[in-house]
C-alpha atoms as a PDB file:
ATOM      1  CA  MET A   1      18.446  -1.791   4.047  1.00  0.00           C
ATOM      2  CA  ARG A   2      18.214  -3.036   0.739  1.00  0.00           C
ATOM      3  CA  ILE A   3      15.735  -4.947  -1.504  1.00  0.00           C
ATOM      4  CA  LYS A   4      17.635  -7.148  -4.076  1.00  0.00           C
ATOM      5  CA  ASN A   5      16.103  -7.779  -7.347  1.00  0.00           C
ATOM      6  CA  LEU A   6      13.746  -5.197  -7.207  1.00  0.00           C
ATOM      7  CA  LYS A   7      12.946  -5.162 -11.036  1.00  0.00           C
ATOM      8  CA  THR A   8      11.834  -8.698 -10.931  1.00  0.00           C
ATOM      9  CA  LYS A   9       9.277  -8.060  -8.240  1.00  0.00           C
ATOM     10  CA  PHE A  10       7.663  -6.086 -10.872  1.00  0.00           C
ATOM     11  CA  LYS A  11       7.262  -9.246 -13.045  1.00  0.00           C
ATOM     12  CA  LYS A  12       3.981 -10.074 -11.919  1.00  0.00           C
ATOM     13  CA  ASN A  13       2.780  -6.889 -11.922  1.00  0.00           C
ATOM     14  CA  SER A  14       0.680  -5.148 -14.734  1.00  0.00           C
ATOM     15  CA  ILE A  15       2.535  -2.142 -14.411  1.00  0.00           C
ATOM     16  CA  SER A  16       6.189  -2.424 -15.831  1.00  0.00           C
ATOM     17  CA  PHE A  17       9.484  -1.392 -14.055  1.00  0.00           C
ATOM     18  CA  ASN A  18      10.131   0.418 -17.531  1.00  0.00           C
ATOM     19  CA  ASP A  19       7.410   2.518 -16.732  1.00  0.00           C
ATOM     20  CA  LEU A  20       8.741   3.674 -13.163  1.00  0.00           C
ATOM     21  CA  GLU A  21      12.015   4.451 -14.525  1.00  0.00           C
ATOM     22  CA  LYS A  22      10.203   6.553 -17.627  1.00  0.00           C
ATOM     23  CA  ILE A  23       8.546   8.677 -14.814  1.00  0.00           C
ATOM     24  CA  SER A  24      11.694   8.898 -12.770  1.00  0.00           C
ATOM     25  CA  CYS A  25      13.867  10.177 -15.854  1.00  0.00           C
ATOM     26  CA  ALA A  26      10.982  12.690 -16.762  1.00  0.00           C
ATOM     27  CA  LEU A  27      11.082  14.092 -13.074  1.00  0.00           C
ATOM     28  CA  LYS A  28      14.885  14.460 -13.276  1.00  0.00           C
ATOM     29  CA  ASP A  29      14.260  17.346 -15.503  1.00  0.00           C
ATOM     30  CA  LYS A  30      13.790  19.345 -12.453  1.00  0.00           C
ATOM     31  CA  ASN A  31      16.006  17.598 -10.271  1.00  0.00           C
ATOM     32  CA  GLY A  32      13.236  15.624  -8.810  1.00  0.00           C
ATOM     33  CA  SER A  33      13.267  12.075  -7.502  1.00  0.00           C
ATOM     34  CA  ILE A  34      10.679   9.317  -6.610  1.00  0.00           C
ATOM     35  CA  LYS A  35      10.241   6.601  -4.121  1.00  0.00           C
ATOM     36  CA  LEU A  36       7.444   3.915  -3.735  1.00  0.00           C
ATOM     37  CA  ILE A  37       5.095   4.287  -1.137  1.00  0.00           C
ATOM     38  CA  GLY A  38       2.219   2.385   0.565  1.00  0.00           C
ATOM     39  CA  GLY A  39       0.571  -1.386  -0.642  1.00  0.00           C
ATOM     40  CA  CYS A  40       3.175  -2.154  -3.291  1.00  0.00           C
ATOM     41  CA  VAL A  41       6.073  -1.647  -0.627  1.00  0.00           C
ATOM     42  CA  ARG A  42       4.212  -3.755   1.715  1.00  0.00           C
ATOM     43  CA  ASP A  43       3.810  -6.407  -0.821  1.00  0.00           C
ATOM     44  CA  ILE A  44       7.622  -6.025  -1.839  1.00  0.00           C
ATOM     45  CA  VAL A  45       8.739  -6.489   1.614  1.00  0.00           C
ATOM     46  CA  LEU A  46       6.409  -9.560   2.626  1.00  0.00           C
ATOM     47  CA  ASN A  47       7.193 -11.323  -0.625  1.00  0.00           C
ATOM     48  CA  ASN A  48       3.630 -11.073  -1.348  1.00  0.00           C
ATOM     49  CA  GLU A  49       1.710 -11.251  -4.736  1.00  0.00           C
ATOM     50  CA  SER A  50       2.387  -7.489  -5.667  1.00  0.00           C
ATOM     51  CA  ASN A  51      -1.045  -5.509  -5.959  1.00  0.00           C
ATOM     52  CA  ASN A  52      -1.611  -3.690  -9.450  1.00  0.00           C
ATOM     53  CA  GLU A  53      -1.769  -0.306  -7.413  1.00  0.00           C
ATOM     54  CA  ILE A  54       1.444   1.464  -7.370  1.00  0.00           C
ATOM     55  CA  ASP A  55       1.851   4.839  -5.119  1.00  0.00           C
ATOM     56  CA  LEU A  56       4.659   7.054  -5.563  1.00  0.00           C
ATOM     57  CA  VAL A  57       6.170  10.313  -3.481  1.00  0.00           C
ATOM     58  CA  THR A  58       7.979  12.941  -5.113  1.00  0.00           C
ATOM     59  CA  ASP A  59      10.159  15.988  -3.910  1.00  0.00           C
ATOM     60  CA  LEU A  60       9.010  17.978  -6.714  1.00  0.00           C
ATOM     61  CA  GLU A  61       5.784  20.028  -6.277  1.00  0.00           C
ATOM     62  CA  PRO A  62       2.666  19.378  -8.523  1.00  0.00           C
ATOM     63  CA  ASN A  63       3.217  22.229 -10.799  1.00  0.00           C
ATOM     64  CA  ASP A  64       6.867  20.892 -11.269  1.00  0.00           C
ATOM     65  CA  VAL A  65       5.574  17.427 -11.639  1.00  0.00           C
ATOM     66  CA  ILE A  66       3.072  18.716 -14.165  1.00  0.00           C
ATOM     67  CA  PHE A  67       5.923  20.541 -16.190  1.00  0.00           C
ATOM     68  CA  CYS A  68       8.325  17.298 -16.553  1.00  0.00           C
ATOM     69  CA  LEU A  69       5.412  15.001 -17.536  1.00  0.00           C
ATOM     70  CA  LYS A  70       4.260  17.350 -20.311  1.00  0.00           C
ATOM     71  CA  LYS A  71       8.052  17.860 -21.609  1.00  0.00           C
ATOM     72  CA  ASN A  72       8.096  14.039 -21.403  1.00  0.00           C
ATOM     73  CA  ASN A  73       4.658  13.270 -23.329  1.00  0.00           C
ATOM     74  CA  ILE A  74       3.520  11.316 -20.525  1.00  0.00           C
ATOM     75  CA  LYS A  75      -0.250  11.990 -19.926  1.00  0.00           C
ATOM     76  CA  PHE A  76      -1.495  12.854 -16.622  1.00  0.00           C
ATOM     77  CA  TRP A  77      -4.737  13.727 -14.976  1.00  0.00           C
ATOM     78  CA  LYS A  78      -4.969  16.376 -11.941  1.00  0.00           C
ATOM     79  CA  ILE A  79      -7.365  14.416  -9.817  1.00  0.00           C
ATOM     80  CA  GLY A  80      -6.522  15.233  -5.917  1.00  0.00           C
ATOM     81  CA  TYR A  81      -4.317  18.487  -7.540  1.00  0.00           C
ATOM     82  CA  LYS A  82      -5.243  20.125  -4.496  1.00  0.00           C
ATOM     83  CA  PHE A  83      -3.810  17.713  -2.058  1.00  0.00           C
ATOM     84  CA  GLY A  84      -0.538  17.171  -4.029  1.00  0.00           C
ATOM     85  CA  CYS A  85      -1.667  14.322  -6.163  1.00  0.00           C
ATOM     86  CA  ILE A  86      -1.146  13.764  -9.906  1.00  0.00           C
ATOM     87  CA  THR A  87      -2.362  10.587 -11.586  1.00  0.00           C
ATOM     88  CA  ILE A  88      -0.208   9.443 -14.253  1.00  0.00           C
ATOM     89  CA  VAL A  89      -1.344   7.204 -17.402  1.00  0.00           C
ATOM     90  CA  LEU A  90       0.740   5.059 -18.865  1.00  0.00           C
ATOM     91  CA  GLU A  91      -0.782   2.214 -21.636  1.00  0.00           C
ATOM     92  CA  ASN A  92      -3.886   1.191 -19.526  1.00  0.00           C
ATOM     93  CA  ASN A  93      -2.654   1.671 -16.113  1.00  0.00           C
ATOM     94  CA  THR A  94      -2.569   4.701 -13.771  1.00  0.00           C
ATOM     95  CA  ILE A  95      -0.100   5.260 -10.776  1.00  0.00           C
ATOM     96  CA  GLU A  96      -0.827   8.025  -7.936  1.00  0.00           C
ATOM     97  CA  ILE A  97       2.285  10.488  -7.436  1.00  0.00           C
ATOM     98  CA  THR A  98       2.111  12.589  -4.701  1.00  0.00           C
ATOM     99  CA  SER A  99       4.507  15.726  -3.986  1.00  0.00           C
ATOM    100  CA  LEU A 100       5.959  15.294  -0.292  1.00  0.00           C
ATOM    101  CA  ARG A 101       3.869  17.402   1.989  1.00  0.00           C
ATOM    102  CA  LYS A 102       2.496  17.984   5.646  1.00  0.00           C
ATOM    103  CA  ASP A 103      -0.828  18.259   6.633  1.00  0.00           C
ATOM    104  CA  ILE A 104      -1.629  21.618   8.477  1.00  0.00           C
ATOM    105  CA  LYS A 105      -5.193  21.639   8.883  1.00  0.00           C
ATOM    106  CA  TYR A 106      -7.564  18.615   8.986  1.00  0.00           C
ATOM    107  CA  SER A 107     -11.227  18.400   7.758  1.00  0.00           C
ATOM    108  CA  GLY A 108     -11.453  14.604   7.534  1.00  0.00           C
ATOM    109  CA  ARG A 109     -10.341  12.975   4.262  1.00  0.00           C
ATOM    110  CA  TRP A 110      -9.638  16.438   2.533  1.00  0.00           C
ATOM    111  CA  PRO A 111      -6.801  18.376   4.677  1.00  0.00           C
ATOM    112  CA  VAL A 112      -5.070  21.453   3.935  1.00  0.00           C
ATOM    113  CA  VAL A 113      -1.505  20.665   3.018  1.00  0.00           C
ATOM    114  CA  GLU A 114       1.520  22.364   2.563  1.00  0.00           C
ATOM    115  CA  TYR A 115       4.600  21.082   0.372  1.00  0.00           C
ATOM    116  CA  THR A 116       7.579  20.198   2.178  1.00  0.00           C
ATOM    117  CA  ASN A 117      11.079  18.864   0.676  1.00  0.00           C
ATOM    118  CA  SER A 118      11.203  16.491   4.031  1.00  0.00           C
ATOM    119  CA  TRP A 119      10.577  13.077   3.535  1.00  0.00           C
ATOM    120  CA  ILE A 120      10.352  12.878   7.565  1.00  0.00           C
ATOM    121  CA  GLU A 121       7.668  15.545   7.603  1.00  0.00           C
ATOM    122  CA  ASP A 122       5.920  13.404   4.725  1.00  0.00           C
ATOM    123  CA  ALA A 123       6.236  10.330   6.960  1.00  0.00           C
ATOM    124  CA  LYS A 124       4.799  11.958  10.003  1.00  0.00           C
ATOM    125  CA  ARG A 125       1.486  12.697   8.154  1.00  0.00           C
ATOM    126  CA  ARG A 126       0.780   8.985   7.330  1.00  0.00           C
ATOM    127  CA  ASP A 127      -1.538   6.691   9.144  1.00  0.00           C
ATOM    128  CA  PHE A 128       0.613   3.813  10.335  1.00  0.00           C
ATOM    129  CA  SER A 129       4.360   3.442  10.655  1.00  0.00           C
ATOM    130  CA  PHE A 130       4.087   0.720   8.092  1.00  0.00           C
ATOM    131  CA  ASN A 131       2.568   3.055   5.441  1.00  0.00           C
ATOM    132  CA  ALA A 132       5.925   5.310   5.894  1.00  0.00           C
ATOM    133  CA  ILE A 133       8.261   3.119   4.485  1.00  0.00           C
ATOM    134  CA  TYR A 134       9.537   4.534   1.200  1.00  0.00           C
ATOM    135  CA  LEU A 135      11.585   2.321  -1.197  1.00  0.00           C
ATOM    136  CA  ASP A 136      13.941   3.947  -4.289  1.00  0.00           C
ATOM    137  CA  LEU A 137      14.076   2.221  -7.566  1.00  0.00           C
ATOM    138  CA  ASN A 138      17.307   0.810  -6.534  1.00  0.00           C
ATOM    139  CA  GLY A 139      15.689  -1.264  -3.981  1.00  0.00           C
ATOM    140  CA  ASN A 140      16.950   0.998  -0.846  1.00  0.00           C
ATOM    141  CA  ILE A 141      14.550   1.167   2.200  1.00  0.00           C
ATOM    142  CA  PHE A 142      14.059   4.789   4.076  1.00  0.00           C
ATOM    143  CA  ASP A 143      12.283   4.196   6.849  1.00  0.00           C
ATOM    144  CA  PRO A 144      12.316   7.337   8.985  1.00  0.00           C
ATOM    145  CA  LEU A 145       9.700   5.969  11.639  1.00  0.00           C
ATOM    146  CA  ASN A 146      10.283   2.141  12.128  1.00  0.00           C
ATOM    147  CA  GLY A 147       8.004   0.690   9.998  1.00  0.00           C
ATOM    148  CA  TYR A 148       9.476  -2.191   8.603  1.00  0.00           C
ATOM    149  CA  ASN A 149      10.051  -4.031  12.231  1.00  0.00           C
ATOM    150  CA  ASP A 150       6.395  -3.139  12.749  1.00  0.00           C
ATOM    151  CA  LEU A 151       5.277  -4.682   9.114  1.00  0.00           C
ATOM    152  CA  VAL A 152       7.410  -7.798   9.389  1.00  0.00           C
ATOM    153  CA  ASN A 153       5.964  -8.390  12.879  1.00  0.00           C
ATOM    154  CA  LYS A 154       2.618  -7.492  11.342  1.00  0.00           C
ATOM    155  CA  LYS A 155       1.864  -5.029  14.047  1.00  0.00           C
ATOM    156  CA  VAL A 156      -0.502  -2.302  13.021  1.00  0.00           C
ATOM    157  CA  LYS A 157       0.807   1.103  15.082  1.00  0.00           C
ATOM    158  CA  PHE A 158      -0.486   4.422  14.506  1.00  0.00           C
ATOM    159  CA  ILE A 159       1.707   7.245  13.879  1.00  0.00           C
ATOM    160  CA  GLY A 160       2.119   9.547  16.823  1.00  0.00           C
ATOM    161  CA  SER A 161      -1.063   9.386  19.194  1.00  0.00           C
ATOM    162  CA  THR A 162      -3.552   7.123  18.035  1.00  0.00           C
ATOM    163  CA  GLU A 163      -6.865   9.366  19.280  1.00  0.00           C
ATOM    164  CA  THR A 164      -4.890  12.487  17.336  1.00  0.00           C
ATOM    165  CA  ARG A 165      -4.572  10.275  14.271  1.00  0.00           C
ATOM    166  CA  ILE A 166      -8.646   9.085  14.619  1.00  0.00           C
ATOM    167  CA  LYS A 167      -9.900  12.360  15.047  1.00  0.00           C
ATOM    168  CA  GLU A 168      -7.789  13.568  12.067  1.00  0.00           C
ATOM    169  CA  ASP A 169      -9.509  11.149   9.908  1.00  0.00           C
ATOM    170  CA  TYR A 170     -12.195   8.637  11.322  1.00  0.00           C
ATOM    171  CA  LEU A 171     -11.460   6.507   8.282  1.00  0.00           C
ATOM    172  CA  ARG A 172      -8.488   5.419   9.895  1.00  0.00           C
ATOM    173  CA  ILE A 173     -10.293   3.237  12.483  1.00  0.00           C
ATOM    174  CA  LEU A 174     -11.730   0.764   9.467  1.00  0.00           C
ATOM    175  CA  ARG A 175      -8.400   0.974   7.793  1.00  0.00           C
ATOM    176  CA  PHE A 176      -6.889  -0.179  11.196  1.00  0.00           C
ATOM    177  CA  ILE A 177      -9.432  -3.048  11.345  1.00  0.00           C
ATOM    178  CA  ARG A 178      -8.683  -4.159   7.752  1.00  0.00           C
ATOM    179  CA  PHE A 179      -4.959  -4.049   8.016  1.00  0.00           C
ATOM    180  CA  ASN A 180      -5.302  -6.205  11.585  1.00  0.00           C
ATOM    181  CA  LEU A 181      -7.653  -8.807  10.015  1.00  0.00           C
ATOM    182  CA  PHE A 182      -5.276  -8.939   6.908  1.00  0.00           C
ATOM    183  CA  TYR A 183      -2.080  -9.688   9.006  1.00  0.00           C
ATOM    184  CA  GLU A 184      -3.832 -11.890  11.210  1.00  0.00           C
ATOM    185  CA  LYS A 185      -4.878 -14.498   8.667  1.00  0.00           C
ATOM    186  CA  LYS A 186      -1.013 -14.586   7.522  1.00  0.00           C
END
């Protein structure tokens, strides 16, 4: 599957596609790649007004991300660093970039993580199937858990066992309700 004219989807957004390309080019210093994930992907697939929150996933570990950002004079904060997350600061915008990971021990919102090079392992740790849809900067969709169909059918489906997912993080109950209410209106 492919999203055509991906660049035009960012015209309404305060974050420019050029900024995403800049980050992508910077990570190539360590042979890294990025994909979009989360709300921005949901909005693009559904042709909704894009939100201003862009989340990225990379196949580089946090130290390599930091190396690439420093080398390319891109500002960042190490907020969420121990969970594999770096906050990139561009102009007046921030973009979260998280390393591929799997959660090996849960403690509510703060899991113990292990980095991986597997997009599928990263997808399996996510909450809902439509939150495991990855989109590269060429518009190619990578959907290892078939979340695309759930999204276009507005079905909020937990990944794996619902009970297990909720016990890992009780906030997922509220997210489940929020998404159901949001998609019910559409």
